[in-house]
Amino acid sequence: MRRSWPDAHVTIACSAYNASVVARNPDVDRVDVVPAGTSPAAFGRRYRGACDLAIALAPCAPDFELVGATRARVRVGYTYVRRYLARATARLYVTRLAVSEADPAICERDPAHVVRHEVDQVTDLVRLAGGTELAHDLVLPVDDADRRSVAHVPAGGICVHLGARWFSAGSSLESTIATIADLRRFGLPVIATYGVDAEANAAAVRAAGVADVVAGDLSFTEWAAVFEKSRIVVTVDTGATHVASAMRRPTIVLFEHRYFHLSSQEWSPYRVPSICLRKPATSDAPALAASRASIVAAVESLLGVADATARV
């Protein structure tokens, strides 16, 4: 948006949860947090007469309602190919609609079905709105204060983000601890990060002594600074994937078994060396052992890529 309309005033309306992602973004003039429980349409009405263009960044009803309520001259959004009701009603809210090829049922039926990355799908909304200059770098500023806050974290290590999906179907706490222990074979520091969704399991990882540092209670940008100083990031399918991409770090993602063919395309690491793995269909011991072996092999492969890039 900023490249296409350099003199525009850009406001992003989002939840408090997402506000930290864009709080320092140099391309955003204002961040408006939508209070929990507020009607999207009521919030959108405050922009009437104040904006020329409104874009729904998610293909869901609340975003459409908010954008529609602005009554901006150009209102843009997108939905998925098989969401027929959403496609039929979209014209009540937007003036220009894109239809994404993403659909879990199609991808499972035809693993060769191609789905573009979500970043590219959302960037296409700029073109649909009339923009001509597109930017593909993920912008997530980290400053020296963030770096000082994580100075205790060793540099050049393997960072494992302990998202909740490490501890559910196709994985387990015990297998995750064993995975982290296996990663010590590379002779690099091993760092584990976690958020509020994994506090209890992070405590178990800390007690197991398999990681050099187990880091929680970080601000969003401090967490990004840990990734920035790491050599490689290993995660399940969560926001860590995209933070690692913004920090331009090679990334391994363990996606859920269900809908793997969709998720590993639409939400894969973006424009960084990466390997997408699929959780096993079961949680029996042989399946978990095979999954751990695939993670270790992927780390070895990406470390080789990082070494080759450093030599160049």
C-alpha atoms as a PDB file:
ATOM      1  CA  MET A   1       0.000   0.000   0.000  1.00  0.00           C
ATOM      2  CA  ARG A   2       2.752   2.444   0.921  1.00  0.00           C
ATOM      3  CA  ARG A   3       4.675   1.785  -2.301  1.00  0.00           C
ATOM      4  CA  SER A   4       1.591   2.282  -4.447  1.00  0.00           C
ATOM      5  CA  TRP A   5       0.255   5.325  -2.586  1.00  0.00           C
ATOM      6  CA  PRO A   6       3.281   6.926  -0.879  1.00  0.00           C
ATOM      7  CA  ASP A   7       1.339  10.002   0.297  1.00  0.00           C
ATOM      8  CA  ALA A   8      -1.641   8.129   1.718  1.00  0.00           C
ATOM      9  CA  HIS A   9      -2.501   7.989   5.417  1.00  0.00           C
ATOM     10  CA  VAL A  10      -2.589   4.274   6.266  1.00  0.00           C
ATOM     11  CA  THR A  11      -4.588   3.092   9.278  1.00  0.00           C
ATOM     12  CA  ILE A  12      -4.814  -0.553  10.310  1.00  0.00           C
ATOM     13  CA  ALA A  13      -7.697  -1.710  12.496  1.00  0.00           C
ATOM     14  CA  CYS A  14      -6.948  -4.917  14.380  1.00  0.00           C
ATOM     15  CA  SER A  15      -7.285  -6.765  17.656  1.00  0.00           C
ATOM     16  CA  ALA A  16      -5.071  -5.995  20.632  1.00  0.00           C
ATOM     17  CA  TYR A  17      -3.450  -9.386  20.054  1.00  0.00           C
ATOM     18  CA  ASN A  18      -2.340  -8.406  16.552  1.00  0.00           C
ATOM     19  CA  ALA A  19      -1.482  -4.778  17.284  1.00  0.00           C
ATOM     20  CA  SER A  20       2.029  -5.671  18.460  1.00  0.00           C
ATOM     21  CA  VAL A  21       2.818  -7.071  15.011  1.00  0.00           C
ATOM     22  CA  VAL A  22       2.338  -3.687  13.326  1.00  0.00           C
ATOM     23  CA  ALA A  23       3.035  -1.272  16.181  1.00  0.00           C
ATOM     24  CA  ARG A  24       6.432  -0.240  14.775  1.00  0.00           C
ATOM     25  CA  ASN A  25       5.705  -0.753  11.099  1.00  0.00           C
ATOM     26  CA  PRO A  26       7.082   2.278   9.208  1.00  0.00           C
ATOM     27  CA  ASP A  27       4.416   1.889   6.514  1.00  0.00           C
ATOM     28  CA  VAL A  28       1.535   2.342   8.981  1.00  0.00           C
ATOM     29  CA  ASP A  29       0.529   5.808  10.214  1.00  0.00           C
ATOM     30  CA  ARG A  30      -1.990   4.695  12.830  1.00  0.00           C
ATOM     31  CA  VAL A  31      -3.013   1.475  14.591  1.00  0.00           C
ATOM     32  CA  ASP A  32      -6.608   1.389  15.837  1.00  0.00           C
ATOM     33  CA  VAL A  33      -7.339  -1.456  18.249  1.00  0.00           C
ATOM     34  CA  VAL A  34     -10.851  -2.880  18.010  1.00  0.00           C
ATOM     35  CA  PRO A  35     -11.959  -3.428  21.631  1.00  0.00           C
ATOM     36  CA  ALA A  36     -13.061  -6.956  22.485  1.00  0.00           C
ATOM     37  CA  GLY A  37     -16.819  -7.321  22.167  1.00  0.00           C
ATOM     38  CA  THR A  38     -17.184  -4.338  19.828  1.00  0.00           C
ATOM     39  CA  SER A  39     -19.362  -4.811  16.770  1.00  0.00           C
ATOM     40  CA  PRO A  40     -17.162  -4.725  13.642  1.00  0.00           C
ATOM     41  CA  ALA A  41     -19.822  -2.708  11.824  1.00  0.00           C
ATOM     42  CA  ALA A  42     -20.009  -0.162  14.644  1.00  0.00           C
ATOM     43  CA  PHE A  43     -16.235   0.190  14.611  1.00  0.00           C
ATOM     44  CA  GLY A  44     -16.193   0.517  10.830  1.00  0.00           C
ATOM     45  CA  ARG A  45     -18.749   3.343  10.888  1.00  0.00           C
ATOM     46  CA  ARG A  46     -16.268   5.631  12.606  1.00  0.00           C
ATOM     47  CA  TYR A  47     -14.319   5.776   9.330  1.00  0.00           C
ATOM     48  CA  ARG A  48     -17.239   6.989   7.209  1.00  0.00           C
ATOM     49  CA  GLY A  49     -16.189   9.992   5.198  1.00  0.00           C
ATOM     50  CA  ALA A  50     -12.601   9.543   6.381  1.00  0.00           C
ATOM     51  CA  CYS A  51     -11.198   6.952   3.959  1.00  0.00           C
ATOM     52  CA  ASP A  52     -11.112   6.403   0.213  1.00  0.00           C
ATOM     53  CA  LEU A  53     -10.065   2.753   0.284  1.00  0.00           C
ATOM     54  CA  ALA A  54     -10.745  -0.050   2.772  1.00  0.00           C
ATOM     55  CA  ILE A  55      -9.258  -3.534   2.584  1.00  0.00           C
ATOM     56  CA  ALA A  56     -10.406  -6.632   4.465  1.00  0.00           C
ATOM     57  CA  LEU A  57      -7.203  -8.513   5.249  1.00  0.00           C
ATOM     58  CA  ALA A  58      -8.928 -11.727   6.366  1.00  0.00           C
ATOM     59  CA  PRO A  59     -11.595 -13.656   4.430  1.00  0.00           C
ATOM     60  CA  CYS A  60     -14.090 -13.650   7.278  1.00  0.00           C
ATOM     61  CA  ALA A  61     -17.391 -11.985   8.154  1.00  0.00           C
ATOM     62  CA  PRO A  62     -16.107  -9.540  10.830  1.00  0.00           C
ATOM     63  CA  ASP A  63     -13.534  -8.074   8.431  1.00  0.00           C
ATOM     64  CA  PHE A  64     -16.129  -7.764   5.672  1.00  0.00           C
ATOM     65  CA  GLU A  65     -18.605  -6.095   8.051  1.00  0.00           C
ATOM     66  CA  LEU A  66     -16.024  -3.584   9.274  1.00  0.00           C
ATOM     67  CA  VAL A  67     -14.888  -2.686   5.758  1.00  0.00           C
ATOM     68  CA  GLY A  68     -18.448  -2.483   4.462  1.00  0.00           C
ATOM     69  CA  ALA A  69     -19.454  -0.096   7.234  1.00  0.00           C
ATOM     70  CA  THR A  70     -16.775   2.415   6.192  1.00  0.00           C
ATOM     71  CA  ARG A  71     -18.668   3.124   2.977  1.00  0.00           C
ATOM     72  CA  ALA A  72     -15.309   3.858   1.343  1.00  0.00           C
ATOM     73  CA  ARG A  73     -15.554   4.362  -2.401  1.00  0.00           C
ATOM     74  CA  VAL A  74     -13.358   1.298  -2.995  1.00  0.00           C
ATOM     75  CA  ARG A  75     -13.741  -1.651  -0.647  1.00  0.00           C
ATOM     76  CA  VAL A  76     -11.691  -4.770  -1.322  1.00  0.00           C
ATOM     77  CA  GLY A  77     -11.675  -8.278   0.133  1.00  0.00           C
ATOM     78  CA  TYR A  78     -11.221 -11.949  -0.684  1.00  0.00           C
ATOM     79  CA  THR A  79     -12.818 -15.258   0.140  1.00  0.00           C
ATOM     80  CA  TYR A  80     -12.168 -18.932  -0.593  1.00  0.00           C
ATOM     81  CA  VAL A  81     -13.326 -20.739  -3.695  1.00  0.00           C
ATOM     82  CA  ARG A  82     -15.858 -23.051  -2.022  1.00  0.00           C
ATOM     83  CA  ARG A  83     -17.319 -20.516   0.395  1.00  0.00           C
ATOM     84  CA  TYR A  84     -20.304 -20.031  -1.838  1.00  0.00           C
ATOM     85  CA  LEU A  85     -22.463 -18.167   0.676  1.00  0.00           C
ATOM     86  CA  ALA A  86     -19.637 -15.748   1.463  1.00  0.00           C
ATOM     87  CA  ARG A  87     -19.117 -15.138  -2.249  1.00  0.00           C
ATOM     88  CA  ALA A  88     -22.838 -14.533  -2.740  1.00  0.00           C
ATOM     89  CA  THR A  89     -23.106 -12.031   0.097  1.00  0.00           C
ATOM     90  CA  ALA A  90     -19.715 -10.322  -0.342  1.00  0.00           C
ATOM     91  CA  ARG A  91     -21.183  -7.627  -2.591  1.00  0.00           C
ATOM     92  CA  LEU A  92     -23.115  -6.323   0.382  1.00  0.00           C
ATOM     93  CA  TYR A  93     -19.786  -5.241   1.855  1.00  0.00           C
ATOM     94  CA  VAL A  94     -17.079  -4.913  -0.814  1.00  0.00           C
ATOM     95  CA  THR A  95     -16.915  -3.428  -4.266  1.00  0.00           C
ATOM     96  CA  ARG A  96     -14.106  -5.674  -5.511  1.00  0.00           C
ATOM     97  CA  LEU A  97     -13.722  -9.326  -4.566  1.00  0.00           C
ATOM     98  CA  ALA A  98     -10.871 -11.770  -5.135  1.00  0.00           C
ATOM     99  CA  VAL A  99     -11.450 -15.526  -4.915  1.00  0.00           C
ATOM    100  CA  SER A 100      -8.651 -17.606  -3.442  1.00  0.00           C
ATOM    101  CA  GLU A 101      -7.867 -21.072  -4.765  1.00  0.00           C
ATOM    102  CA  ALA A 102      -7.287 -22.272  -1.209  1.00  0.00           C
ATOM    103  CA  ASP A 103      -9.601 -25.052  -0.096  1.00  0.00           C
ATOM    104  CA  PRO A 104      -8.723 -27.912   2.280  1.00  0.00           C
ATOM    105  CA  ALA A 105     -11.029 -30.460   0.651  1.00  0.00           C
ATOM    106  CA  ILE A 106      -9.652 -29.834  -2.843  1.00  0.00           C
ATOM    107  CA  CYS A 107      -6.047 -30.034  -1.601  1.00  0.00           C
ATOM    108  CA  GLU A 108      -6.625 -33.317   0.231  1.00  0.00           C
ATOM    109  CA  ARG A 109      -8.330 -34.797  -2.812  1.00  0.00           C
ATOM    110  CA  ASP A 110      -5.624 -33.503  -5.173  1.00  0.00           C
ATOM    111  CA  PRO A 111      -2.240 -32.944  -3.448  1.00  0.00           C
ATOM    112  CA  ALA A 112      -0.944 -31.431  -6.706  1.00  0.00           C
ATOM    113  CA  HIS A 113      -3.451 -28.567  -6.434  1.00  0.00           C
ATOM    114  CA  VAL A 114      -1.398 -25.364  -6.227  1.00  0.00           C
ATOM    115  CA  VAL A 115      -2.194 -22.753  -3.590  1.00  0.00           C
ATOM    116  CA  ARG A 116      -0.303 -19.483  -3.469  1.00  0.00           C
ATOM    117  CA  HIS A 117       1.201 -18.275  -0.219  1.00  0.00           C
ATOM    118  CA  GLU A 118      -1.138 -16.169   1.894  1.00  0.00           C
ATOM    119  CA  VAL A 119       1.273 -13.213   1.643  1.00  0.00           C
ATOM    120  CA  ASP A 120       0.909 -13.262  -2.140  1.00  0.00           C
ATOM    121  CA  GLN A 121      -2.861 -13.601  -1.921  1.00  0.00           C
ATOM    122  CA  VAL A 122      -3.132 -10.595   0.393  1.00  0.00           C
ATOM    123  CA  THR A 123      -0.646  -8.577  -1.647  1.00  0.00           C
ATOM    124  CA  ASP A 124      -2.874  -9.178  -4.676  1.00  0.00           C
ATOM    125  CA  LEU A 125      -5.544  -7.133  -2.898  1.00  0.00           C
ATOM    126  CA  VAL A 126      -3.340  -4.083  -3.424  1.00  0.00           C
ATOM    127  CA  ARG A 127      -3.383  -4.729  -7.157  1.00  0.00           C
ATOM    128  CA  LEU A 128      -7.145  -5.289  -7.036  1.00  0.00           C
ATOM    129  CA  ALA A 129      -7.491  -1.922  -5.307  1.00  0.00           C
ATOM    130  CA  GLY A 130      -5.565  -0.234  -8.148  1.00  0.00           C
ATOM    131  CA  GLY A 131      -2.040  -0.332  -6.768  1.00  0.00           C
ATOM    132  CA  THR A 132       0.872  -0.907  -9.115  1.00  0.00           C
ATOM    133  CA  GLU A 133       3.916  -1.161  -6.824  1.00  0.00           C
ATOM    134  CA  LEU A 134       4.143  -4.332  -4.750  1.00  0.00           C
ATOM    135  CA  ALA A 135       6.629  -5.080  -1.962  1.00  0.00           C
ATOM    136  CA  HIS A 136       7.411  -8.622  -0.813  1.00  0.00           C
ATOM    137  CA  ASP A 137       9.653  -8.081   2.219  1.00  0.00           C
ATOM    138  CA  LEU A 138       8.092  -8.827   5.596  1.00  0.00           C
ATOM    139  CA  VAL A 139       8.638  -5.770   7.806  1.00  0.00           C
ATOM    140  CA  LEU A 140       9.153  -6.392  11.533  1.00  0.00           C
ATOM    141  CA  PRO A 141      11.496  -3.836  13.131  1.00  0.00           C
ATOM    142  CA  VAL A 142      13.668  -5.001  16.042  1.00  0.00           C
ATOM    143  CA  ASP A 143      15.706  -2.392  17.905  1.00  0.00           C
ATOM    144  CA  ASP A 144      18.794  -2.404  20.103  1.00  0.00           C
ATOM    145  CA  ALA A 145      16.695  -2.369  23.296  1.00  0.00           C
ATOM    146  CA  ASP A 146      15.105  -5.646  22.194  1.00  0.00           C
ATOM    147  CA  ARG A 147      18.522  -7.111  21.480  1.00  0.00           C
ATOM    148  CA  ARG A 148      19.850  -6.057  24.883  1.00  0.00           C
ATOM    149  CA  SER A 149      16.851  -7.690  26.561  1.00  0.00           C
ATOM    150  CA  VAL A 150      17.786 -11.064  25.061  1.00  0.00           C
ATOM    151  CA  ALA A 151      21.554 -10.704  25.427  1.00  0.00           C
ATOM    152  CA  HIS A 152      21.526 -13.781  27.709  1.00  0.00           C
ATOM    153  CA  VAL A 153      20.380 -15.948  24.798  1.00  0.00           C
ATOM    154  CA  PRO A 154      23.360 -17.481  22.992  1.00  0.00           C
ATOM    155  CA  ALA A 155      23.788 -16.493  19.347  1.00  0.00           C
ATOM    156  CA  GLY A 156      23.996 -18.882  16.412  1.00  0.00           C
ATOM    157  CA  GLY A 157      21.862 -21.580  17.987  1.00  0.00           C
ATOM    158  CA  ILE A 158      18.881 -23.726  17.074  1.00  0.00           C
ATOM    159  CA  CYS A 159      15.682 -22.106  18.340  1.00  0.00           C
ATOM    160  CA  VAL A 160      12.647 -24.318  18.980  1.00  0.00           C
ATOM    161  CA  HIS A 161       9.376 -22.489  19.544  1.00  0.00           C
ATOM    162  CA  LEU A 162       7.130 -24.435  21.904  1.00  0.00           C
ATOM    163  CA  GLY A 163       3.709 -23.785  20.394  1.00  0.00           C
ATOM    164  CA  ALA A 164       0.782 -25.781  21.767  1.00  0.00           C
ATOM    165  CA  ARG A 165       0.677 -28.064  18.732  1.00  0.00           C
ATOM    166  CA  TRP A 166       3.885 -29.769  19.842  1.00  0.00           C
ATOM    167  CA  PHE A 167       1.821 -31.395  22.576  1.00  0.00           C
ATOM    168  CA  SER A 168      -1.204 -32.728  20.685  1.00  0.00           C
ATOM    169  CA  ALA A 169      -2.103 -35.327  18.026  1.00  0.00           C
ATOM    170  CA  GLY A 170       0.955 -36.582  16.172  1.00  0.00           C
ATOM    171  CA  SER A 171       3.333 -35.213  18.818  1.00  0.00           C
ATOM    172  CA  SER A 172       3.650 -35.171  22.598  1.00  0.00           C
ATOM    173  CA  LEU A 173       5.534 -33.492  25.409  1.00  0.00           C
ATOM    174  CA  GLU A 174       7.818 -36.494  25.848  1.00  0.00           C
ATOM    175  CA  SER A 175       8.573 -36.670  22.117  1.00  0.00           C
ATOM    176  CA  THR A 176       9.215 -32.918  21.990  1.00  0.00           C
ATOM    177  CA  ILE A 177      11.711 -33.165  24.843  1.00  0.00           C
ATOM    178  CA  ALA A 178      13.402 -36.037  23.014  1.00  0.00           C
ATOM    179  CA  THR A 179      13.491 -33.961  19.817  1.00  0.00           C
ATOM    180  CA  ILE A 180      15.209 -31.069  21.582  1.00  0.00           C
ATOM    181  CA  ALA A 181      17.695 -33.487  23.120  1.00  0.00           C
ATOM    182  CA  ASP A 182      18.397 -34.936  19.659  1.00  0.00           C
ATOM    183  CA  LEU A 183      19.205 -31.462  18.314  1.00  0.00           C
ATOM    184  CA  ARG A 184      22.166 -31.182  20.692  1.00  0.00           C
ATOM    185  CA  ARG A 185      24.105 -33.508  18.402  1.00  0.00           C
ATOM    186  CA  PHE A 186      24.919 -30.546  16.147  1.00  0.00           C
ATOM    187  CA  GLY A 187      27.061 -28.915  18.824  1.00  0.00           C
ATOM    188  CA  LEU A 188      25.107 -25.667  18.735  1.00  0.00           C
ATOM    189  CA  PRO A 189      23.251 -23.906  21.552  1.00  0.00           C
ATOM    190  CA  VAL A 190      19.611 -24.982  21.745  1.00  0.00           C
ATOM    191  CA  ILE A 191      17.078 -22.330  22.738  1.00  0.00           C
ATOM    192  CA  ALA A 192      13.387 -22.881  23.443  1.00  0.00           C
ATOM    193  CA  THR A 193      10.891 -20.019  23.368  1.00  0.00           C
ATOM    194  CA  TYR A 194       7.276 -20.144  24.471  1.00  0.00           C
ATOM    195  CA  GLY A 195       4.152 -18.069  25.019  1.00  0.00           C
ATOM    196  CA  VAL A 196       1.225 -18.288  27.390  1.00  0.00           C
ATOM    197  CA  ASP A 197      -0.200 -21.283  25.500  1.00  0.00           C
ATOM    198  CA  ALA A 198       2.731 -23.491  26.509  1.00  0.00           C
ATOM    199  CA  GLU A 199       3.845 -22.305  29.955  1.00  0.00           C
ATOM    200  CA  ALA A 200       3.341 -25.634  31.743  1.00  0.00           C
ATOM    201  CA  ASN A 201       5.036 -27.639  29.007  1.00  0.00           C
ATOM    202  CA  ALA A 202       7.906 -25.140  28.843  1.00  0.00           C
ATOM    203  CA  ALA A 203       8.464 -25.734  32.548  1.00  0.00           C
ATOM    204  CA  ALA A 204       8.783 -29.461  31.809  1.00  0.00           C
ATOM    205  CA  VAL A 205      11.302 -28.748  29.032  1.00  0.00           C
ATOM    206  CA  ARG A 206      13.280 -26.550  31.420  1.00  0.00           C
ATOM    207  CA  ALA A 207      13.243 -29.279  34.080  1.00  0.00           C
ATOM    208  CA  ALA A 208      14.459 -31.840  31.546  1.00  0.00           C
ATOM    209  CA  GLY A 209      17.626 -29.784  30.970  1.00  0.00           C
ATOM    210  CA  VAL A 210      17.657 -30.387  27.210  1.00  0.00           C
ATOM    211  CA  ALA A 211      17.823 -26.693  26.211  1.00  0.00           C
ATOM    212  CA  ASP A 212      20.526 -24.167  27.058  1.00  0.00           C
ATOM    213  CA  VAL A 213      17.895 -21.452  27.524  1.00  0.00           C
ATOM    214  CA  VAL A 214      14.115 -21.664  27.872  1.00  0.00           C
ATOM    215  CA  ALA A 215      12.803 -18.135  27.248  1.00  0.00           C
ATOM    216  CA  GLY A 216       9.284 -16.877  27.928  1.00  0.00           C
ATOM    217  CA  ASP A 217       7.726 -13.633  29.176  1.00  0.00           C
ATOM    218  CA  LEU A 218       9.132 -11.879  26.121  1.00  0.00           C
ATOM    219  CA  SER A 219       7.568  -8.961  24.308  1.00  0.00           C
ATOM    220  CA  PHE A 220       6.716  -9.600  20.676  1.00  0.00           C
ATOM    221  CA  THR A 221       9.805  -7.798  19.406  1.00  0.00           C
ATOM    222  CA  GLU A 222      12.076  -9.396  22.025  1.00  0.00           C
ATOM    223  CA  TRP A 223      10.845 -12.776  20.790  1.00  0.00           C
ATOM    224  CA  ALA A 224      11.679 -11.704  17.237  1.00  0.00           C
ATOM    225  CA  ALA A 225      15.150 -10.652  18.453  1.00  0.00           C
ATOM    226  CA  VAL A 226      15.758 -14.205  19.717  1.00  0.00           C
ATOM    227  CA  PHE A 227      14.951 -15.523  16.248  1.00  0.00           C
ATOM    228  CA  GLU A 228      17.147 -12.857  14.681  1.00  0.00           C
ATOM    229  CA  LYS A 229      20.222 -14.079  16.572  1.00  0.00           C
ATOM    230  CA  SER A 230      19.481 -17.779  16.001  1.00  0.00           C
ATOM    231  CA  ARG A 231      20.881 -19.778  13.116  1.00  0.00           C
ATOM    232  CA  ILE A 232      17.729 -21.775  12.457  1.00  0.00           C
ATOM    233  CA  VAL A 233      14.145 -21.930  13.802  1.00  0.00           C
ATOM    234  CA  VAL A 234      12.121 -25.101  14.368  1.00  0.00           C
ATOM    235  CA  THR A 235       8.411 -24.734  15.078  1.00  0.00           C
ATOM    236  CA  VAL A 236       4.956 -26.168  14.692  1.00  0.00           C
ATOM    237  CA  ASP A 237       2.344 -24.345  12.596  1.00  0.00           C
ATOM    238  CA  THR A 238       1.937 -21.066  14.482  1.00  0.00           C
ATOM    239  CA  GLY A 239       2.905 -17.407  14.224  1.00  0.00           C
ATOM    240  CA  ALA A 240       6.526 -18.335  14.885  1.00  0.00           C
ATOM    241  CA  THR A 241       6.745 -19.463  11.257  1.00  0.00           C
ATOM    242  CA  HIS A 242       6.109 -15.948  10.016  1.00  0.00           C
ATOM    243  CA  VAL A 243       8.193 -14.154  12.629  1.00  0.00           C
ATOM    244  CA  ALA A 244      11.132 -16.359  11.607  1.00  0.00           C
ATOM    245  CA  SER A 245      10.516 -15.452   7.968  1.00  0.00           C
ATOM    246  CA  ALA A 246      10.486 -11.753   8.851  1.00  0.00           C
ATOM    247  CA  MET A 247      13.845 -12.270  10.592  1.00  0.00           C
ATOM    248  CA  ARG A 248      15.019 -14.109   7.435  1.00  0.00           C
ATOM    249  CA  ARG A 249      15.935 -17.273   9.260  1.00  0.00           C
ATOM    250  CA  PRO A 250      15.905 -20.787   7.768  1.00  0.00           C
ATOM    251  CA  THR A 251      12.853 -22.485   9.206  1.00  0.00           C
ATOM    252  CA  ILE A 252      11.453 -25.978   9.723  1.00  0.00           C
ATOM    253  CA  VAL A 253       7.725 -26.307  10.324  1.00  0.00           C
ATOM    254  CA  LEU A 254       5.928 -29.401  11.588  1.00  0.00           C
ATOM    255  CA  PHE A 255       2.422 -29.043  10.166  1.00  0.00           C
ATOM    256  CA  GLU A 256      -0.678 -30.902  11.294  1.00  0.00           C
ATOM    257  CA  HIS A 257      -1.352 -34.169   9.477  1.00  0.00           C
ATOM    258  CA  ARG A 258      -4.835 -33.014   8.467  1.00  0.00           C
ATOM    259  CA  TYR A 259      -4.883 -30.486   5.638  1.00  0.00           C
ATOM    260  CA  PHE A 260      -1.115 -30.661   5.232  1.00  0.00           C
ATOM    261  CA  HIS A 261      -1.271 -30.073   1.474  1.00  0.00           C
ATOM    262  CA  LEU A 262      -3.078 -26.770   1.992  1.00  0.00           C
ATOM    263  CA  SER A 263      -1.271 -25.525   5.096  1.00  0.00           C
ATOM    264  CA  SER A 264       2.237 -26.304   3.839  1.00  0.00           C
ATOM    265  CA  GLN A 265       1.623 -24.102   0.806  1.00  0.00           C
ATOM    266  CA  GLU A 266      -0.505 -21.252   2.129  1.00  0.00           C
ATOM    267  CA  TRP A 267       1.250 -20.810   5.488  1.00  0.00           C
ATOM    268  CA  SER A 268       4.752 -22.065   4.796  1.00  0.00           C
ATOM    269  CA  PRO A 269       7.850 -19.998   5.655  1.00  0.00           C
ATOM    270  CA  TYR A 270       8.007 -17.089   3.228  1.00  0.00           C
ATOM    271  CA  ARG A 271      11.023 -16.527   0.993  1.00  0.00           C
ATOM    272  CA  VAL A 272      13.548 -18.177   3.316  1.00  0.00           C
ATOM    273  CA  PRO A 273      15.208 -21.620   3.127  1.00  0.00           C
ATOM    274  CA  SER A 274      12.673 -23.970   4.669  1.00  0.00           C
ATOM    275  CA  ILE A 275      11.417 -27.527   5.040  1.00  0.00           C
ATOM    276  CA  CYS A 276       7.781 -28.371   5.738  1.00  0.00           C
ATOM    277  CA  LEU A 277       7.141 -31.647   7.550  1.00  0.00           C
ATOM    278  CA  ARG A 278       3.898 -33.477   8.262  1.00  0.00           C
ATOM    279  CA  LYS A 279       2.937 -34.757  11.679  1.00  0.00           C
ATOM    280  CA  PRO A 280       2.296 -38.497  11.732  1.00  0.00           C
ATOM    281  CA  ALA A 281      -1.291 -39.690  11.614  1.00  0.00           C
ATOM    282  CA  THR A 282      -0.880 -41.499  14.931  1.00  0.00           C
ATOM    283  CA  SER A 283       0.986 -40.917  18.188  1.00  0.00           C
ATOM    284  CA  ASP A 284       2.407 -44.397  18.629  1.00  0.00           C
ATOM    285  CA  ALA A 285       6.085 -44.766  19.488  1.00  0.00           C
ATOM    286  CA  PRO A 286       7.357 -45.757  16.005  1.00  0.00           C
ATOM    287  CA  ALA A 287       5.501 -42.851  14.367  1.00  0.00           C
ATOM    288  CA  LEU A 288       6.866 -40.339  16.868  1.00  0.00           C
ATOM    289  CA  ALA A 289      10.392 -41.718  16.466  1.00  0.00           C
ATOM    290  CA  ALA A 290      10.149 -41.368  12.683  1.00  0.00           C
ATOM    291  CA  SER A 291       8.886 -37.802  13.083  1.00  0.00           C
ATOM    292  CA  ARG A 292      11.825 -36.912  15.348  1.00  0.00           C
ATOM    293  CA  ALA A 293      14.235 -38.394  12.816  1.00  0.00           C
ATOM    294  CA  SER A 294      12.693 -36.292  10.036  1.00  0.00           C
ATOM    295  CA  ILE A 295      13.120 -33.117  12.109  1.00  0.00           C
ATOM    296  CA  VAL A 296      16.782 -33.890  12.815  1.00  0.00           C
ATOM    297  CA  ALA A 297      17.407 -34.639   9.120  1.00  0.00           C
ATOM    298  CA  ALA A 298      15.727 -31.370   8.138  1.00  0.00           C
ATOM    299  CA  VAL A 299      17.876 -29.391  10.589  1.00  0.00           C
ATOM    300  CA  GLU A 300      20.993 -31.032   9.200  1.00  0.00           C
ATOM    301  CA  SER A 301      19.916 -30.148   5.662  1.00  0.00           C
ATOM    302  CA  LEU A 302      19.160 -26.498   6.430  1.00  0.00           C
ATOM    303  CA  LEU A 303      22.356 -26.066   8.417  1.00  0.00           C
ATOM    304  CA  GLY A 304      24.165 -27.192   5.291  1.00  0.00           C
ATOM    305  CA  VAL A 305      22.300 -24.559   3.264  1.00  0.00           C
ATOM    306  CA  ALA A 306      23.219 -21.896   5.828  1.00  0.00           C
ATOM    307  CA  ASP A 307      26.876 -22.914   5.721  1.00  0.00           C
ATOM    308  CA  ALA A 308      26.921 -22.786   1.908  1.00  0.00           C
ATOM    309  CA  THR A 309      25.289 -19.344   1.929  1.00  0.00           C
ATOM    310  CA  ALA A 310      27.824 -18.061   4.457  1.00  0.00           C
ATOM    311  CA  ARG A 311      30.722 -19.261   2.273  1.00  0.00           C
ATOM    312  CA  VAL A 312      29.275 -17.476  -0.751  1.00  0.00           C
END
